Amino acid sequence: YSNTNQFVTMELYNSKPSGPMNTNRDLLESLKSFQGSLGLYVYPNIPKAKLSNASTSCQVQQGDTILAVLDCTILGSAKNCLVVGVQGIYIHNDWWARQPGRFFVPYDELNDLDISN
């Protein structure tokens, strides 16, 4: 895990993502409106251990920036989680989940994604 992924720089914060939001700032502000929900941590309030565990377990792409972590673990390690990055959404489910493994969905593919149970 690279330290360059941990912090949103002003240049990145003001840049345009490749998704439905106008700017990364819009995405970050939208996420902040949910901050305080059980297990959701939004930049800059993501604990370092959760940030590191989530990045490692989801294999966040080098150069992406983590904007939020949804910790889905019982004990709070954030090894099973959903990560919102600038480039897309990362998910890591444990072996016991209905869909175990790692997943990455770039924002430009969200409109075409079939979400069903």
Protein backbone atom coordinates (compact mmCIF):
# COMPACT_ATOMS: atom_id res chain seq x y z
CA TYR A 1 0.00 0.00 0.00
CA SER A 2 1.43 3.31 -1.04
CA ASN A 3 1.22 6.45 1.06
CA THR A 4 0.32 8.34 -2.11
CA ASN A 5 -3.12 6.69 -1.99
CA GLN A 6 -3.89 7.94 1.52
CA PHE A 7 -4.41 11.64 0.98
CA VAL A 8 -6.50 13.72 -1.36
CA THR A 9 -4.38 16.55 -2.73
CA MET A 10 -5.98 19.81 -3.79
CA GLU A 11 -5.14 19.01 -7.41
CA LEU A 12 -6.95 15.66 -7.20
CA TYR A 13 -9.76 17.13 -5.10
CA ASN A 14 -10.51 19.62 -7.86
CA SER A 15 -10.00 17.28 -10.82
CA LYS A 16 -12.76 15.73 -12.92
CA PRO A 17 -13.48 12.01 -12.38
CA SER A 18 -14.58 9.69 -15.19
CA GLY A 19 -18.00 9.14 -13.65
CA PRO A 20 -21.40 10.72 -13.14
CA MET A 21 -20.19 13.29 -10.60
CA ASN A 22 -18.93 16.65 -11.89
CA THR A 23 -15.85 16.68 -9.68
CA ASN A 24 -14.15 14.61 -7.03
CA ARG A 25 -15.22 17.31 -4.61
CA ASP A 26 -18.89 16.51 -5.39
CA LEU A 27 -18.28 12.84 -4.67
CA LEU A 28 -16.48 13.60 -1.43
CA GLU A 29 -19.20 16.01 -0.29
CA SER A 30 -21.90 13.42 -1.09
CA LEU A 31 -20.05 10.82 0.97
CA LYS A 32 -19.68 13.25 3.87
CA SER A 33 -23.46 13.54 4.06
CA PHE A 34 -23.51 9.86 5.15
CA GLN A 35 -20.58 10.16 7.55
CA GLY A 36 -21.50 8.96 11.00
CA SER A 37 -23.45 6.03 9.61
CA LEU A 38 -22.40 2.78 11.23
CA GLY A 39 -19.01 1.76 9.85
CA LEU A 40 -18.63 4.55 7.26
CA TYR A 41 -15.43 6.59 7.40
CA VAL A 42 -14.92 9.50 5.00
CA TYR A 43 -11.69 11.37 4.22
CA PRO A 44 -10.00 12.86 6.23
CA ASN A 45 -11.56 10.88 9.10
CA ILE A 46 -10.49 7.37 8.06
CA PRO A 47 -8.39 5.73 10.79
CA LYS A 48 -4.95 4.72 9.46
CA ALA A 49 -5.34 1.03 10.39
CA LYS A 50 -8.71 0.80 8.61
CA LEU A 51 -7.32 2.64 5.59
CA SER A 52 -4.35 0.28 5.38
CA ASN A 53 -6.41 -2.91 5.89
CA ALA A 54 -9.10 -1.86 3.42
CA SER A 55 -6.56 -0.87 0.77
CA THR A 56 -4.68 -4.14 1.14
CA SER A 57 -7.70 -6.47 1.23
CA CYS A 58 -9.39 -4.72 -1.73
CA GLN A 59 -6.10 -4.35 -3.63
CA VAL A 60 -6.77 -0.69 -4.37
CA GLN A 61 -5.06 0.29 -7.60
CA GLN A 62 -1.77 2.17 -7.34
CA GLY A 63 -2.45 5.86 -7.81
CA ASP A 64 -6.12 5.72 -6.80
CA THR A 65 -7.23 7.76 -3.81
CA ILE A 66 -9.52 6.40 -1.12
CA LEU A 67 -12.36 8.78 -0.32
CA ALA A 68 -14.37 6.50 2.00
CA VAL A 69 -14.30 3.10 3.70
CA LEU A 70 -17.37 1.16 4.78
CA ASP A 71 -16.12 -1.32 7.39
CA CYS A 72 -18.21 -4.51 7.16
CA THR A 73 -16.37 -6.46 9.84
CA ILE A 74 -17.68 -7.39 13.27
CA LEU A 75 -14.51 -6.43 15.14
CA GLY A 76 -13.68 -3.32 13.10
CA SER A 77 -10.59 -4.37 11.14
CA ALA A 78 -12.03 -3.17 7.77
CA LYS A 79 -10.60 -6.24 6.02
CA ASN A 80 -14.08 -6.95 4.64
CA CYS A 81 -15.26 -3.66 3.29
CA LEU A 82 -16.45 -1.42 0.53
CA VAL A 83 -13.99 1.26 -0.56
CA VAL A 84 -14.96 4.33 -2.56
CA GLY A 85 -12.01 5.48 -4.62
CA VAL A 86 -11.66 8.22 -7.20
CA GLN A 87 -11.48 5.58 -9.98
CA GLY A 88 -14.33 3.35 -8.78
CA ILE A 89 -15.72 1.11 -6.05
CA TYR A 90 -13.73 -1.73 -4.51
CA ILE A 91 -15.28 -4.56 -2.50
CA HIS A 92 -13.77 -7.37 -0.46
CA ASN A 93 -16.00 -10.13 0.90
CA ASP A 94 -14.74 -12.89 3.17
CA TRP A 95 -14.89 -16.57 2.18
CA TRP A 96 -18.24 -17.09 3.96
CA ALA A 97 -20.09 -14.44 1.94
CA ARG A 98 -22.57 -15.40 -0.78
CA GLN A 99 -20.17 -13.75 -3.29
CA PRO A 100 -16.67 -14.14 -1.73
CA GLY A 101 -13.62 -12.41 -3.14
CA ARG A 102 -12.47 -9.02 -4.42
CA PHE A 103 -14.38 -6.89 -6.87
CA PHE A 104 -13.76 -3.57 -8.60
CA VAL A 105 -16.36 -1.54 -10.49
CA PRO A 106 -15.16 1.56 -12.37
CA TYR A 107 -17.67 4.40 -12.30
CA ASP A 108 -18.16 4.37 -16.07
CA GLU A 109 -19.46 0.77 -15.80
CA LEU A 110 -22.03 1.44 -13.06
CA ASN A 111 -24.82 2.32 -15.50
CA ASP A 112 -24.43 -1.05 -17.27
CA LEU A 113 -24.17 -3.12 -14.07
CA ASP A 114 -27.03 -5.57 -13.42
CA ILE A 115 -27.65 -5.47 -9.68
CA SER A 116 -29.81 -8.31 -8.44
CA ASN A 117 -29.88 -10.75 -5.57
